[in-house]
């Protein structure tokens, strides 16, 4: 019997480059050639000016924790094996906000405004972008 994975993406032509870069340990975001603003999550148009003149650009991998929730109950596999975990929204240094998880950080040490760095969590053959405290330390 195969267990359904609720934590894995379904890459498509819009997101393939994003997932491939994550697999290589890099974070990509989209940048608009018309208005100059960046955005995350991947989509084929700019959510600011609606232009389709968007391109992939590398992100620094640095972020600040905007908000979070400590998840203590989740019966879906594989989440139950990670409990408790930190679901978060981070502000990337390039400007966009991104939903993610915080890893390598005790739940008692997480705080709004903490400096974070990009890393990945391997799940089967997919590298899922997550963040950890800078230098692997909580503040």
Protein backbone atom coordinates (compact mmCIF):
# COMPACT_ATOMS: atom_id res chain seq x y z
CA UNK A 1 0.00 0.00 0.00
CA UNK A 2 1.36 3.40 -0.99
CA UNK A 3 1.04 6.26 1.47
CA UNK A 4 -0.08 9.55 -0.07
CA UNK A 5 2.49 12.33 0.45
CA UNK A 6 0.75 15.62 1.22
CA UNK A 7 4.00 17.55 1.57
CA UNK A 8 5.39 17.13 -1.95
CA UNK A 9 4.86 19.49 -4.87
CA UNK A 10 3.66 18.61 -8.32
CA UNK A 11 6.18 20.37 -10.58
CA UNK A 12 4.89 21.63 -13.90
CA UNK A 13 6.20 23.78 -16.75
CA UNK A 14 5.75 26.93 -14.63
CA UNK A 15 7.70 25.59 -11.65
CA UNK A 16 10.18 23.04 -13.05
CA UNK A 17 13.14 25.48 -12.92
CA UNK A 18 12.30 26.36 -9.30
CA UNK A 19 12.34 22.72 -8.16
CA UNK A 20 15.45 21.91 -10.21
CA UNK A 21 17.31 24.82 -8.59
CA UNK A 22 16.19 23.72 -5.11
CA UNK A 23 17.53 20.25 -5.89
CA UNK A 24 20.89 21.95 -6.58
CA UNK A 25 20.67 23.90 -3.30
CA UNK A 26 19.71 27.21 -4.92
CA UNK A 27 16.65 29.42 -4.41
CA UNK A 28 15.11 31.09 -7.46
CA UNK A 29 12.47 33.80 -7.54
CA UNK A 30 10.83 35.64 -10.41
CA UNK A 31 11.69 39.19 -11.43
CA UNK A 32 9.64 41.42 -13.72
CA UNK A 33 11.54 43.13 -16.55
CA UNK A 34 8.77 45.75 -16.87
CA UNK A 35 8.28 46.99 -13.29
CA UNK A 36 11.48 45.60 -11.74
CA UNK A 37 9.78 43.92 -8.76
CA UNK A 38 10.39 40.38 -7.61
CA UNK A 39 7.87 37.81 -6.48
CA UNK A 40 7.54 34.33 -5.03
CA UNK A 41 5.80 31.79 -5.61
CA UNK A 42 6.54 30.95 -9.25
CA UNK A 43 3.94 32.10 -11.77
CA UNK A 44 4.13 33.14 -15.41
CA UNK A 45 3.13 36.78 -14.84
CA UNK A 46 3.98 39.62 -12.48
CA UNK A 47 1.41 39.98 -9.67
CA UNK A 48 2.29 43.68 -9.37
CA UNK A 49 1.84 44.94 -12.97
CA UNK A 50 0.44 41.80 -14.69
CA UNK A 51 3.26 41.73 -17.25
CA UNK A 52 4.34 38.38 -18.62
CA UNK A 53 7.92 39.66 -18.99
CA UNK A 54 9.17 37.71 -15.98
CA UNK A 55 12.40 35.80 -15.57
CA UNK A 56 14.09 33.59 -13.02
CA UNK A 57 16.74 35.25 -10.84
CA UNK A 58 18.79 33.78 -8.02
CA UNK A 59 17.80 34.82 -4.50
CA UNK A 60 20.40 35.37 -1.80
CA UNK A 61 18.82 32.75 0.43
CA UNK A 62 18.61 35.23 3.31
CA UNK A 63 15.30 36.03 5.00
CA UNK A 64 13.67 37.42 8.13
CA UNK A 65 10.90 35.60 9.97
CA UNK A 66 7.64 37.51 9.44
CA UNK A 67 5.25 35.18 11.28
CA UNK A 68 5.00 31.56 12.36
CA UNK A 69 2.85 28.90 13.94
CA UNK A 70 4.04 25.93 15.95
CA UNK A 71 2.13 22.92 14.67
CA UNK A 72 1.69 20.36 17.43
CA UNK A 73 -1.04 18.19 15.89
CA UNK A 74 -1.22 16.82 12.36
CA UNK A 75 -2.20 13.23 11.67
CA UNK A 76 -1.35 13.27 7.95
CA UNK A 77 1.80 11.43 6.95
CA UNK A 78 4.59 12.51 7.00
CA UNK A 79 3.75 15.57 9.14
CA UNK A 80 3.04 13.51 12.24
CA UNK A 81 6.67 12.33 12.20
CA UNK A 82 7.91 15.95 12.35
CA UNK A 83 5.77 17.17 15.24
CA UNK A 84 6.13 19.75 16.52
CA UNK A 85 7.19 21.75 13.46
CA UNK A 86 7.32 25.45 12.65
CA UNK A 87 5.18 26.64 9.73
CA UNK A 88 6.25 30.13 8.72
CA UNK A 89 6.07 33.11 6.41
CA UNK A 90 9.43 34.76 5.75
CA UNK A 91 10.44 38.04 4.11
CA UNK A 92 13.15 37.31 1.57
CA UNK A 93 15.94 39.92 1.44
CA UNK A 94 14.84 40.59 -2.17
CA UNK A 95 11.37 41.64 -0.98
CA UNK A 96 8.85 38.85 -1.55
CA UNK A 97 7.17 36.92 1.24
CA UNK A 98 7.28 33.15 1.11
CA UNK A 99 5.52 30.34 2.98
CA UNK A 100 7.93 27.74 4.31
CA UNK A 101 9.00 25.75 7.36
CA UNK A 102 11.71 26.63 9.86
CA UNK A 103 14.09 23.74 10.56
CA UNK A 104 17.09 23.16 12.85
CA UNK A 105 15.52 25.39 15.49
CA UNK A 106 13.94 24.33 18.78
CA UNK A 107 10.36 25.61 18.94
CA UNK A 108 11.18 27.48 22.17
CA UNK A 109 13.85 29.53 20.31
CA UNK A 110 11.83 30.77 17.33
CA UNK A 111 10.92 34.47 17.29
CA UNK A 112 9.57 37.11 14.90
CA UNK A 113 12.41 38.97 13.22
CA UNK A 114 14.98 36.18 13.46
CA UNK A 115 17.49 36.05 10.62
CA UNK A 116 17.21 32.95 8.47
CA UNK A 117 19.03 31.21 5.64
CA UNK A 118 17.79 28.95 2.89
CA UNK A 119 18.32 25.21 2.98
CA UNK A 120 16.39 22.24 1.65
CA UNK A 121 14.64 19.23 3.14
CA UNK A 122 14.99 16.13 0.99
CA UNK A 123 11.71 14.27 0.54
CA UNK A 124 11.94 11.34 -1.82
CA UNK A 125 13.43 12.85 -5.01
CA UNK A 126 12.28 16.43 -4.29
CA UNK A 127 14.24 19.13 -2.48
CA UNK A 128 11.75 21.29 -0.56
CA UNK A 129 12.89 24.86 0.22
CA UNK A 130 12.94 25.57 3.96
CA UNK A 131 14.80 28.00 6.20
CA UNK A 132 16.92 27.70 9.34
CA UNK A 133 18.42 30.22 11.74
CA UNK A 134 21.54 31.85 10.28
CA UNK A 135 24.58 29.63 10.86
CA UNK A 136 22.24 26.91 12.14
CA UNK A 137 21.78 28.74 15.47
CA UNK A 138 18.61 30.00 17.08
CA UNK A 139 18.78 33.42 18.69
